Amino acid sequence: MLRFAFLLSCISLSLVQTVSAQGIRNVELLAASCASCHGTQGKSVGGIPSLAGLDKLHFIEQMDQFINQNRSATVMHHHASGYTSQEIESLAQFFSQQN
């Protein structure tokens, strides 16, 4: 019985690590779609704002304003409305961790 519990805990830990690794890959793929305008990992080199280092709540609020069209933009209304709330939260976390 003890061996079974140990094996089960190892499998569970492995699944958590796989899900976490998959989550990281997914958010990196989502962030890559932002790179064409906001720069690699959100580090803009032009006139478009950088996303790197933004406060998570600020990022989420801005995306919400785009979705609800409370903030003017050229293409961000379309981009923002294509994300789920979980994806926006993941992107907010990702960009907040970039220097």
PDB file of N, CA and C in Angstrom:
ATOM      1  N   MET A   1       0.831  -1.191   0.000  1.00  0.00           N
ATOM      2  CA  MET A   1       0.000   0.000   0.000  1.00  0.00           C
ATOM      3  C   MET A   1       0.875   1.254   0.000  1.00  0.00           C
ATOM      4  N   LEU A   2       1.944   1.224   0.760  1.00  0.00           N
ATOM      5  CA  LEU A   2       2.842   2.374   0.823  1.00  0.00           C
ATOM      6  C   LEU A   2       3.495   2.619  -0.529  1.00  0.00           C
ATOM      7  N   ARG A   3       3.862   1.548  -1.220  1.00  0.00           N
ATOM      8  CA  ARG A   3       4.463   1.683  -2.557  1.00  0.00           C
ATOM      9  C   ARG A   3       3.475   2.326  -3.524  1.00  0.00           C
ATOM     10  N   PHE A   4       2.201   1.912  -3.432  1.00  0.00           N
ATOM     11  CA  PHE A   4       1.176   2.471  -4.304  1.00  0.00           C
ATOM     12  C   PHE A   4       1.004   3.967  -4.047  1.00  0.00           C
ATOM     13  N   ALA A   5       0.965   4.368  -2.783  1.00  0.00           N
ATOM     14  CA  ALA A   5       0.815   5.788  -2.430  1.00  0.00           C
ATOM     15  C   ALA A   5       2.004   6.588  -2.938  1.00  0.00           C
ATOM     16  N   PHE A   6       3.214   6.028  -2.808  1.00  0.00           N
ATOM     17  CA  PHE A   6       4.405   6.710  -3.302  1.00  0.00           C
ATOM     18  C   PHE A   6       4.348   6.862  -4.820  1.00  0.00           C
ATOM     19  N   LEU A   7       3.977   5.789  -5.505  1.00  0.00           N
ATOM     20  CA  LEU A   7       3.873   5.806  -6.962  1.00  0.00           C
ATOM     21  C   LEU A   7       2.828   6.829  -7.407  1.00  0.00           C
ATOM     22  N   LEU A   8       1.693   6.845  -6.727  1.00  0.00           N
ATOM     23  CA  LEU A   8       0.636   7.787  -7.052  1.00  0.00           C
ATOM     24  C   LEU A   8       1.101   9.232  -6.860  1.00  0.00           C
ATOM     25  N   SER A   9       1.835   9.489  -5.788  1.00  0.00           N
ATOM     26  CA  SER A   9       2.325  10.852  -5.554  1.00  0.00           C
ATOM     27  C   SER A   9       3.345  11.251  -6.609  1.00  0.00           C
ATOM     28  N   CYS A  10       4.172  10.325  -7.058  1.00  0.00           N
ATOM     29  CA  CYS A  10       5.145  10.614  -8.125  1.00  0.00           C
ATOM     30  C   CYS A  10       4.440  10.934  -9.434  1.00  0.00           C
ATOM     31  N   ILE A  11       3.397  10.173  -9.746  1.00  0.00           N
ATOM     32  CA  ILE A  11       2.629  10.426 -10.972  1.00  0.00           C
ATOM     33  C   ILE A  11       1.947  11.784 -10.885  1.00  0.00           C
ATOM     34  N   SER A  12       1.362  12.088  -9.740  1.00  0.00           N
ATOM     35  CA  SER A  12       0.690  13.373  -9.556  1.00  0.00           C
ATOM     36  C   SER A  12       1.670  14.522  -9.715  1.00  0.00           C
ATOM     37  N   LEU A  13       2.852  14.420  -9.117  1.00  0.00           N
ATOM     38  CA  LEU A  13       3.866  15.457  -9.232  1.00  0.00           C
ATOM     39  C   LEU A  13       4.297  15.621 -10.681  1.00  0.00           C
ATOM     40  N   SER A  14       4.456  14.516 -11.376  1.00  0.00           N
ATOM     41  CA  SER A  14       4.836  14.558 -12.787  1.00  0.00           C
ATOM     42  C   SER A  14       3.770  15.265 -13.615  1.00  0.00           C
ATOM     43  N   LEU A  15       2.496  14.981 -13.344  1.00  0.00           N
ATOM     44  CA  LEU A  15       1.409  15.641 -14.071  1.00  0.00           C
ATOM     45  C   LEU A  15       1.387  17.130 -13.797  1.00  0.00           C
ATOM     46  N   VAL A  16       1.589  17.534 -12.559  1.00  0.00           N
ATOM     47  CA  VAL A  16       1.622  18.959 -12.211  1.00  0.00           C
ATOM     48  C   VAL A  16       2.761  19.645 -12.940  1.00  0.00           C
ATOM     49  N   GLN A  17       3.933  19.023 -12.974  1.00  0.00           N
ATOM     50  CA  GLN A  17       5.064  19.613 -13.670  1.00  0.00           C
ATOM     51  C   GLN A  17       4.798  19.702 -15.159  1.00  0.00           C
ATOM     52  N   THR A  18       4.158  18.694 -15.747  1.00  0.00           N
ATOM     53  CA  THR A  18       3.838  18.714 -17.173  1.00  0.00           C
ATOM     54  C   THR A  18       2.840  19.818 -17.478  1.00  0.00           C
ATOM     55  N   VAL A  19       1.805  19.938 -16.655  1.00  0.00           N
ATOM     56  CA  VAL A  19       0.813  20.991 -16.860  1.00  0.00           C
ATOM     57  C   VAL A  19       1.474  22.355 -16.735  1.00  0.00           C
ATOM     58  N   SER A  20       2.344  22.516 -15.754  1.00  0.00           N
ATOM     59  CA  SER A  20       3.025  23.787 -15.573  1.00  0.00           C
ATOM     60  C   SER A  20       3.912  24.102 -16.771  1.00  0.00           C
ATOM     61  N   ALA A  21       4.646  23.119 -17.249  1.00  0.00           N
ATOM     62  CA  ALA A  21       5.503  23.326 -18.411  1.00  0.00           C
ATOM     63  C   ALA A  21       4.658  23.650 -19.639  1.00  0.00           C
ATOM     64  N   GLN A  22       3.536  22.965 -19.780  1.00  0.00           N
ATOM     65  CA  GLN A  22       2.640  23.231 -20.906  1.00  0.00           C
ATOM     66  C   GLN A  22       2.059  24.636 -20.785  1.00  0.00           C
ATOM     67  N   GLY A  23       1.694  25.049 -19.572  1.00  0.00           N
ATOM     68  CA  GLY A  23       1.173  26.397 -19.351  1.00  0.00           C
ATOM     69  C   GLY A  23       2.186  27.455 -19.726  1.00  0.00           C
ATOM     70  N   ILE A  24       3.446  27.219 -19.398  1.00  0.00           N
ATOM     71  CA  ILE A  24       4.510  28.159 -19.750  1.00  0.00           C
ATOM     72  C   ILE A  24       4.645  28.260 -21.262  1.00  0.00           C
ATOM     73  N   ARG A  25       4.644  27.113 -21.927  1.00  0.00           N
ATOM     74  CA  ARG A  25       4.737  27.128 -23.395  1.00  0.00           C
ATOM     75  C   ARG A  25       3.559  27.857 -24.006  1.00  0.00           C
ATOM     76  N   ASN A  26       2.359  27.624 -23.465  1.00  0.00           N
ATOM     77  CA  ASN A  26       1.163  28.271 -24.003  1.00  0.00           C
ATOM     78  C   ASN A  26       1.231  29.783 -23.856  1.00  0.00           C
ATOM     79  N   VAL A  27       1.625  30.269 -22.703  1.00  0.00           N
ATOM     80  CA  VAL A  27       1.677  31.716 -22.514  1.00  0.00           C
ATOM     81  C   VAL A  27       2.787  32.323 -23.363  1.00  0.00           C
ATOM     82  N   GLU A  28       3.876  31.603 -23.560  1.00  0.00           N
ATOM     83  CA  GLU A  28       4.934  32.109 -24.441  1.00  0.00           C
ATOM     84  C   GLU A  28       4.442  32.193 -25.879  1.00  0.00           C
ATOM     85  N   LEU A  29       3.623  31.238 -26.297  1.00  0.00           N
ATOM     86  CA  LEU A  29       3.033  31.297 -27.638  1.00  0.00           C
ATOM     87  C   LEU A  29       2.070  32.471 -27.759  1.00  0.00           C
ATOM     88  N   LEU A  30       1.263  32.691 -26.737  1.00  0.00           N
ATOM     89  CA  LEU A  30       0.354  33.834 -26.746  1.00  0.00           C
ATOM     90  C   LEU A  30       1.133  35.147 -26.789  1.00  0.00           C
ATOM     91  N   ALA A  31       2.176  35.237 -25.994  1.00  0.00           N
ATOM     92  CA  ALA A  31       2.989  36.458 -25.942  1.00  0.00           C
ATOM     93  C   ALA A  31       3.711  36.702 -27.258  1.00  0.00           C
ATOM     94  N   ALA A  32       4.040  35.637 -27.972  1.00  0.00           N
ATOM     95  CA  ALA A  32       4.723  35.786 -29.261  1.00  0.00           C
ATOM     96  C   ALA A  32       3.850  36.548 -30.250  1.00  0.00           C
ATOM     97  N   SER A  33       2.543  36.408 -30.139  1.00  0.00           N
ATOM     98  CA  SER A  33       1.657  37.139 -31.053  1.00  0.00           C
ATOM     99  C   SER A  33       1.664  38.637 -30.756  1.00  0.00           C
ATOM    100  N   CYS A  34       2.089  39.028 -29.581  1.00  0.00           N
ATOM    101  CA  CYS A  34       2.180  40.448 -29.214  1.00  0.00           C
ATOM    102  C   CYS A  34       3.494  41.067 -29.701  1.00  0.00           C
ATOM    103  N   ALA A  35       4.465  40.201 -29.997  1.00  0.00           N
ATOM    104  CA  ALA A  35       5.824  40.654 -30.301  1.00  0.00           C
ATOM    105  C   ALA A  35       5.922  41.518 -31.550  1.00  0.00           C
ATOM    106  N   SER A  36       5.076  41.275 -32.538  1.00  0.00           N
ATOM    107  CA  SER A  36       5.207  42.036 -33.777  1.00  0.00           C
ATOM    108  C   SER A  36       4.995  43.527 -33.553  1.00  0.00           C
ATOM    109  N   CYS A  37       4.222  43.898 -32.572  1.00  0.00           N
ATOM    110  CA  CYS A  37       4.005  45.320 -32.270  1.00  0.00           C
ATOM    111  C   CYS A  37       4.714  45.768 -30.989  1.00  0.00           C
ATOM    112  N   HIS A  38       4.656  44.918 -29.953  1.00  0.00           N
ATOM    113  CA  HIS A  38       5.164  45.307 -28.638  1.00  0.00           C
ATOM    114  C   HIS A  38       6.574  44.813 -28.358  1.00  0.00           C
ATOM    115  N   GLY A  39       7.190  44.136 -29.315  1.00  0.00           N
ATOM    116  CA  GLY A  39       8.558  43.661 -29.159  1.00  0.00           C
ATOM    117  C   GLY A  39       8.643  42.300 -28.497  1.00  0.00           C
ATOM    118  N   THR A  40       9.792  41.652 -28.683  1.00  0.00           N
ATOM    119  CA  THR A  40      10.033  40.345 -28.090  1.00  0.00           C
ATOM    120  C   THR A  40       9.921  40.438 -26.579  1.00  0.00           C
ATOM    121  N   GLN A  41       9.131  39.547 -25.999  1.00  0.00           N
ATOM    122  CA  GLN A  41       8.854  39.511 -24.564  1.00  0.00           C
ATOM    123  C   GLN A  41       8.320  40.846 -24.053  1.00  0.00           C
ATOM    124  N   GLY A  42       7.644  41.586 -24.947  1.00  0.00           N
ATOM    125  CA  GLY A  42       7.006  42.840 -24.558  1.00  0.00           C
ATOM    126  C   GLY A  42       7.928  44.026 -24.465  1.00  0.00           C
ATOM    127  N   LYS A  43       9.148  43.889 -24.973  1.00  0.00           N
ATOM    128  CA  LYS A  43      10.138  44.971 -24.899  1.00  0.00           C
ATOM    129  C   LYS A  43      10.137  45.748 -26.211  1.00  0.00           C
ATOM    130  N   SER A  44       9.319  46.767 -26.277  1.00  0.00           N
ATOM    131  CA  SER A  44       9.148  47.548 -27.490  1.00  0.00           C
ATOM    132  C   SER A  44      10.397  48.367 -27.811  1.00  0.00           C
ATOM    133  N   VAL A  45      10.671  48.489 -29.090  1.00  0.00           N
ATOM    134  CA  VAL A  45      11.807  49.311 -29.533  1.00  0.00           C
ATOM    135  C   VAL A  45      11.313  50.512 -30.327  1.00  0.00           C
ATOM    136  N   GLY A  46      10.008  50.658 -30.450  1.00  0.00           N
ATOM    137  CA  GLY A  46       9.456  51.745 -31.242  1.00  0.00           C
ATOM    138  C   GLY A  46       8.488  52.591 -30.442  1.00  0.00           C
ATOM    139  N   GLY A  47       7.529  53.155 -31.147  1.00  0.00           N
ATOM    140  CA  GLY A  47       6.564  54.057 -30.527  1.00  0.00           C
ATOM    141  C   GLY A  47       5.421  53.366 -29.818  1.00  0.00           C
ATOM    142  N   ILE A  48       5.334  52.058 -29.942  1.00  0.00           N
ATOM    143  CA  ILE A  48       4.260  51.308 -29.288  1.00  0.00           C
ATOM    144  C   ILE A  48       4.701  50.974 -27.867  1.00  0.00           C
ATOM    145  N   PRO A  49       3.800  51.092 -26.900  1.00  0.00           N
ATOM    146  CA  PRO A  49       4.184  50.850 -25.499  1.00  0.00           C
ATOM    147  C   PRO A  49       4.755  49.460 -25.249  1.00  0.00           C
ATOM    148  N   SER A  50       5.724  49.402 -24.353  1.00  0.00           N
ATOM    149  CA  SER A  50       6.269  48.120 -23.901  1.00  0.00           C
ATOM    150  C   SER A  50       5.294  47.483 -22.926  1.00  0.00           C
ATOM    151  N   LEU A  51       5.233  46.180 -22.971  1.00  0.00           N
ATOM    152  CA  LEU A  51       4.410  45.428 -22.021  1.00  0.00           C
ATOM    153  C   LEU A  51       5.263  44.842 -20.908  1.00  0.00           C
ATOM    154  N   ALA A  52       6.556  44.733 -21.156  1.00  0.00           N
ATOM    155  CA  ALA A  52       7.481  44.156 -20.180  1.00  0.00           C
ATOM    156  C   ALA A  52       7.477  44.977 -18.894  1.00  0.00           C
ATOM    157  N   GLY A  53       7.310  44.289 -17.785  1.00  0.00           N
ATOM    158  CA  GLY A  53       7.363  44.926 -16.477  1.00  0.00           C
ATOM    159  C   GLY A  53       6.075  45.599 -16.037  1.00  0.00           C
ATOM    160  N   LEU A  54       5.028  45.532 -16.853  1.00  0.00           N
ATOM    161  CA  LEU A  54       3.766  46.149 -16.452  1.00  0.00           C
ATOM    162  C   LEU A  54       3.167  45.424 -15.254  1.00  0.00           C
ATOM    163  N   ASP A  55       2.550  46.173 -14.391  1.00  0.00           N
ATOM    164  CA  ASP A  55       1.815  45.602 -13.269  1.00  0.00           C
ATOM    165  C   ASP A  55       0.693  44.719 -13.815  1.00  0.00           C
ATOM    166  N   LYS A  56       0.500  43.556 -13.210  1.00  0.00           N
ATOM    167  CA  LYS A  56      -0.503  42.601 -13.693  1.00  0.00           C
ATOM    168  C   LYS A  56      -1.896  43.221 -13.762  1.00  0.00           C
ATOM    169  N   LEU A  57      -2.295  43.910 -12.699  1.00  0.00           N
ATOM    170  CA  LEU A  57      -3.641  44.489 -12.677  1.00  0.00           C
ATOM    171  C   LEU A  57      -3.797  45.578 -13.728  1.00  0.00           C
ATOM    172  N   HIS A  58      -2.746  46.349 -13.949  1.00  0.00           N
ATOM    173  CA  HIS A  58      -2.794  47.386 -14.981  1.00  0.00           C
ATOM    174  C   HIS A  58      -2.992  46.754 -16.354  1.00  0.00           C
ATOM    175  N   PHE A  59      -2.254  45.691 -16.640  1.00  0.00           N
ATOM    176  CA  PHE A  59      -2.388  44.989 -17.912  1.00  0.00           C
ATOM    177  C   PHE A  59      -3.820  44.487 -18.086  1.00  0.00           C
ATOM    178  N   ILE A  60      -4.356  43.848 -17.060  1.00  0.00           N
ATOM    179  CA  ILE A  60      -5.712  43.298 -17.127  1.00  0.00           C
ATOM    180  C   ILE A  60      -6.734  44.406 -17.330  1.00  0.00           C
ATOM    181  N   GLU A  61      -6.578  45.520 -16.620  1.00  0.00           N
ATOM    182  CA  GLU A  61      -7.499  46.646 -16.775  1.00  0.00           C
ATOM    183  C   GLU A  61      -7.454  47.211 -18.189  1.00  0.00           C
ATOM    184  N   GLN A  62      -6.247  47.322 -18.743  1.00  0.00           N
ATOM    185  CA  GLN A  62      -6.118  47.848 -20.106  1.00  0.00           C
ATOM    186  C   GLN A  62      -6.786  46.915 -21.110  1.00  0.00           C
ATOM    187  N   MET A  63      -6.568  45.624 -20.959  1.00  0.00           N
ATOM    188  CA  MET A  63      -7.193  44.658 -21.867  1.00  0.00           C
ATOM    189  C   MET A  63      -8.714  44.723 -21.746  1.00  0.00           C
ATOM    190  N   ASP A  64      -9.212  44.870 -20.531  1.00  0.00           N
ATOM    191  CA  ASP A  64     -10.652  44.991 -20.303  1.00  0.00           C
ATOM    192  C   ASP A  64     -11.190  46.244 -20.991  1.00  0.00           C
ATOM    193  N   GLN A  65     -10.456  47.340 -20.921  1.00  0.00           N
ATOM    194  CA  GLN A  65     -10.892  48.565 -21.594  1.00  0.00           C
ATOM    195  C   GLN A  65     -10.925  48.392 -23.109  1.00  0.00           C
ATOM    196  N   PHE A  66      -9.956  47.662 -23.658  1.00  0.00           N
ATOM    197  CA  PHE A  66      -9.987  47.380 -25.095  1.00  0.00           C
ATOM    198  C   PHE A  66     -11.187  46.524 -25.458  1.00  0.00           C
ATOM    199  N   ILE A  67     -11.427  45.481 -24.668  1.00  0.00           N
ATOM    200  CA  ILE A  67     -12.544  44.572 -24.943  1.00  0.00           C
ATOM    201  C   ILE A  67     -13.870  45.317 -24.925  1.00  0.00           C
ATOM    202  N   ASN A  68     -14.039  46.197 -23.947  1.00  0.00           N
ATOM    203  CA  ASN A  68     -15.284  46.948 -23.802  1.00  0.00           C
ATOM    204  C   ASN A  68     -15.293  48.235 -24.625  1.00  0.00           C
ATOM    205  N   GLN A  69     -14.244  48.446 -25.405  1.00  0.00           N
ATOM    206  CA  GLN A  69     -14.071  49.616 -26.262  1.00  0.00           C
ATOM    207  C   GLN A  69     -14.176  50.928 -25.494  1.00  0.00           C
ATOM    208  N   ASN A  70     -13.630  50.915 -24.271  1.00  0.00           N
ATOM    209  CA  ASN A  70     -13.552  52.119 -23.456  1.00  0.00           C
ATOM    210  C   ASN A  70     -12.225  52.837 -23.640  1.00  0.00           C
ATOM    211  N   ARG A  71     -11.363  52.262 -24.443  1.00  0.00           N
ATOM    212  CA  ARG A  71     -10.069  52.864 -24.750  1.00  0.00           C
ATOM    213  C   ARG A  71      -9.892  52.820 -26.260  1.00  0.00           C
ATOM    214  N   SER A  72      -9.500  53.939 -26.825  1.00  0.00           N
ATOM    215  CA  SER A  72      -9.342  53.977 -28.279  1.00  0.00           C
ATOM    216  C   SER A  72      -8.087  53.221 -28.699  1.00  0.00           C
ATOM    217  N   ALA A  73      -8.202  52.574 -29.844  1.00  0.00           N
ATOM    218  CA  ALA A  73      -7.086  51.802 -30.389  1.00  0.00           C
ATOM    219  C   ALA A  73      -7.388  51.484 -31.840  1.00  0.00           C
ATOM    220  N   THR A  74      -6.348  51.112 -32.552  1.00  0.00           N
ATOM    221  CA  THR A  74      -6.551  50.723 -33.946  1.00  0.00           C
ATOM    222  C   THR A  74      -6.905  49.246 -34.067  1.00  0.00           C
ATOM    223  N   VAL A  75      -6.099  48.368 -33.495  1.00  0.00           N
ATOM    224  CA  VAL A  75      -6.344  46.924 -33.635  1.00  0.00           C
ATOM    225  C   VAL A  75      -6.517  46.199 -32.307  1.00  0.00           C
ATOM    226  N   MET A  76      -6.238  46.852 -31.205  1.00  0.00           N
ATOM    227  CA  MET A  76      -6.270  46.155 -29.915  1.00  0.00           C
ATOM    228  C   MET A  76      -7.669  45.683 -29.520  1.00  0.00           C
ATOM    229  N   HIS A  77      -8.718  46.333 -29.990  1.00  0.00           N
ATOM    230  CA  HIS A  77     -10.073  45.851 -29.684  1.00  0.00           C
ATOM    231  C   HIS A  77     -10.246  44.431 -30.211  1.00  0.00           C
ATOM    232  N   HIS A  78      -9.755  44.192 -31.408  1.00  0.00           N
ATOM    233  CA  HIS A  78      -9.875  42.865 -32.020  1.00  0.00           C
ATOM    234  C   HIS A  78      -8.972  41.846 -31.324  1.00  0.00           C
ATOM    235  N   HIS A  79      -7.748  42.250 -31.042  1.00  0.00           N
ATOM    236  CA  HIS A  79      -6.818  41.325 -30.382  1.00  0.00           C
ATOM    237  C   HIS A  79      -7.314  40.952 -28.983  1.00  0.00           C
ATOM    238  N   ALA A  80      -7.649  41.938 -28.188  1.00  0.00           N
ATOM    239  CA  ALA A  80      -8.042  41.693 -26.799  1.00  0.00           C
ATOM    240  C   ALA A  80      -9.294  40.831 -26.709  1.00  0.00           C
ATOM    241  N   SER A  81     -10.239  41.054 -27.592  1.00  0.00           N
ATOM    242  CA  SER A  81     -11.491  40.295 -27.519  1.00  0.00           C
ATOM    243  C   SER A  81     -11.306  38.833 -27.924  1.00  0.00           C
ATOM    244  N   GLY A  82     -10.161  38.495 -28.494  1.00  0.00           N
ATOM    245  CA  GLY A  82      -9.886  37.112 -28.870  1.00  0.00           C
ATOM    246  C   GLY A  82      -9.324  36.256 -27.745  1.00  0.00           C
ATOM    247  N   TYR A  83      -9.017  36.863 -26.612  1.00  0.00           N
ATOM    248  CA  TYR A  83      -8.435  36.131 -25.482  1.00  0.00           C
ATOM    249  C   TYR A  83      -9.483  35.808 -24.430  1.00  0.00           C
ATOM    250  N   THR A  84      -9.322  34.681 -23.776  1.00  0.00           N
ATOM    251  CA  THR A  84     -10.160  34.356 -22.624  1.00  0.00           C
ATOM    252  C   THR A  84      -9.615  35.124 -21.419  1.00  0.00           C
ATOM    253  N   SER A  85     -10.393  35.199 -20.361  1.00  0.00           N
ATOM    254  CA  SER A  85      -9.926  35.888 -19.152  1.00  0.00           C
ATOM    255  C   SER A  85      -8.710  35.185 -18.564  1.00  0.00           C
ATOM    256  N   GLN A  86      -8.665  33.847 -18.663  1.00  0.00           N
ATOM    257  CA  GLN A  86      -7.510  33.094 -18.165  1.00  0.00           C
ATOM    258  C   GLN A  86      -6.270  33.413 -18.990  1.00  0.00           C
ATOM    259  N   GLU A  87      -6.424  33.521 -20.302  1.00  0.00           N
ATOM    260  CA  GLU A  87      -5.281  33.871 -21.151  1.00  0.00           C
ATOM    261  C   GLU A  87      -4.770  35.273 -20.848  1.00  0.00           C
ATOM    262  N   ILE A  88      -5.681  36.193 -20.596  1.00  0.00           N
ATOM    263  CA  ILE A  88      -5.279  37.564 -20.247  1.00  0.00           C
ATOM    264  C   ILE A  88      -4.529  37.562 -18.924  1.00  0.00           C
ATOM    265  N   GLU A  89      -5.007  36.804 -17.949  1.00  0.00           N
ATOM    266  CA  GLU A  89      -4.317  36.711 -16.658  1.00  0.00           C
ATOM    267  C   GLU A  89      -2.932  36.092 -16.827  1.00  0.00           C
ATOM    268  N   SER A  90      -2.835  35.070 -17.677  1.00  0.00           N
ATOM    269  CA  SER A  90      -1.539  34.441 -17.929  1.00  0.00           C
ATOM    270  C   SER A  90      -0.580  35.407 -18.609  1.00  0.00           C
ATOM    271  N   LEU A  91      -1.085  36.165 -19.574  1.00  0.00           N
ATOM    272  CA  LEU A  91      -0.248  37.166 -20.242  1.00  0.00           C
ATOM    273  C   LEU A  91       0.180  38.258 -19.266  1.00  0.00           C
ATOM    274  N   ALA A  92      -0.735  38.672 -18.411  1.00  0.00           N
ATOM    275  CA  ALA A  92      -0.409  39.693 -17.413  1.00  0.00           C
ATOM    276  C   ALA A  92       0.717  39.216 -16.510  1.00  0.00           C
ATOM    277  N   GLN A  93       0.629  37.971 -16.078  1.00  0.00           N
ATOM    278  CA  GLN A  93       1.680  37.382 -15.238  1.00  0.00           C
ATOM    279  C   GLN A  93       2.997  37.324 -16.007  1.00  0.00           C
ATOM    280  N   PHE A  94       2.939  36.847 -17.245  1.00  0.00           N
ATOM    281  CA  PHE A  94       4.144  36.712 -18.067  1.00  0.00           C
ATOM    282  C   PHE A  94       4.832  38.069 -18.263  1.00  0.00           C
ATOM    283  N   PHE A  95       4.084  39.066 -18.704  1.00  0.00           N
ATOM    284  CA  PHE A  95       4.696  40.358 -18.986  1.00  0.00           C
ATOM    285  C   PHE A  95       5.170  41.071 -17.720  1.00  0.00           C
ATOM    286  N   SER A  96       4.499  40.842 -16.611  1.00  0.00           N
ATOM    287  CA  SER A  96       4.931  41.475 -15.348  1.00  0.00           C
ATOM    288  C   SER A  96       6.295  40.953 -14.900  1.00  0.00           C
ATOM    289  N   GLN A  97       6.656  39.753 -15.348  1.00  0.00           N
ATOM    290  CA  GLN A  97       7.920  39.149 -14.939  1.00  0.00           C
ATOM    291  C   GLN A  97       9.086  39.488 -15.881  1.00  0.00           C
ATOM    292  N   GLN A  98       8.797  40.194 -16.970  1.00  0.00           N
ATOM    293  CA  GLN A  98       9.852  40.565 -17.905  1.00  0.00           C
ATOM    294  C   GLN A  98      10.492  41.868 -17.460  1.00  0.00           C
ATOM    295  N   ASN A  99      11.798  41.958 -17.636  1.00  0.00           N
ATOM    296  CA  ASN A  99      12.525  43.196 -17.235  1.00  0.00           C
ATOM    297  C   ASN A  99      12.428  44.238 -18.313  1.00  0.00           C
TER     298      ASN A  99
END
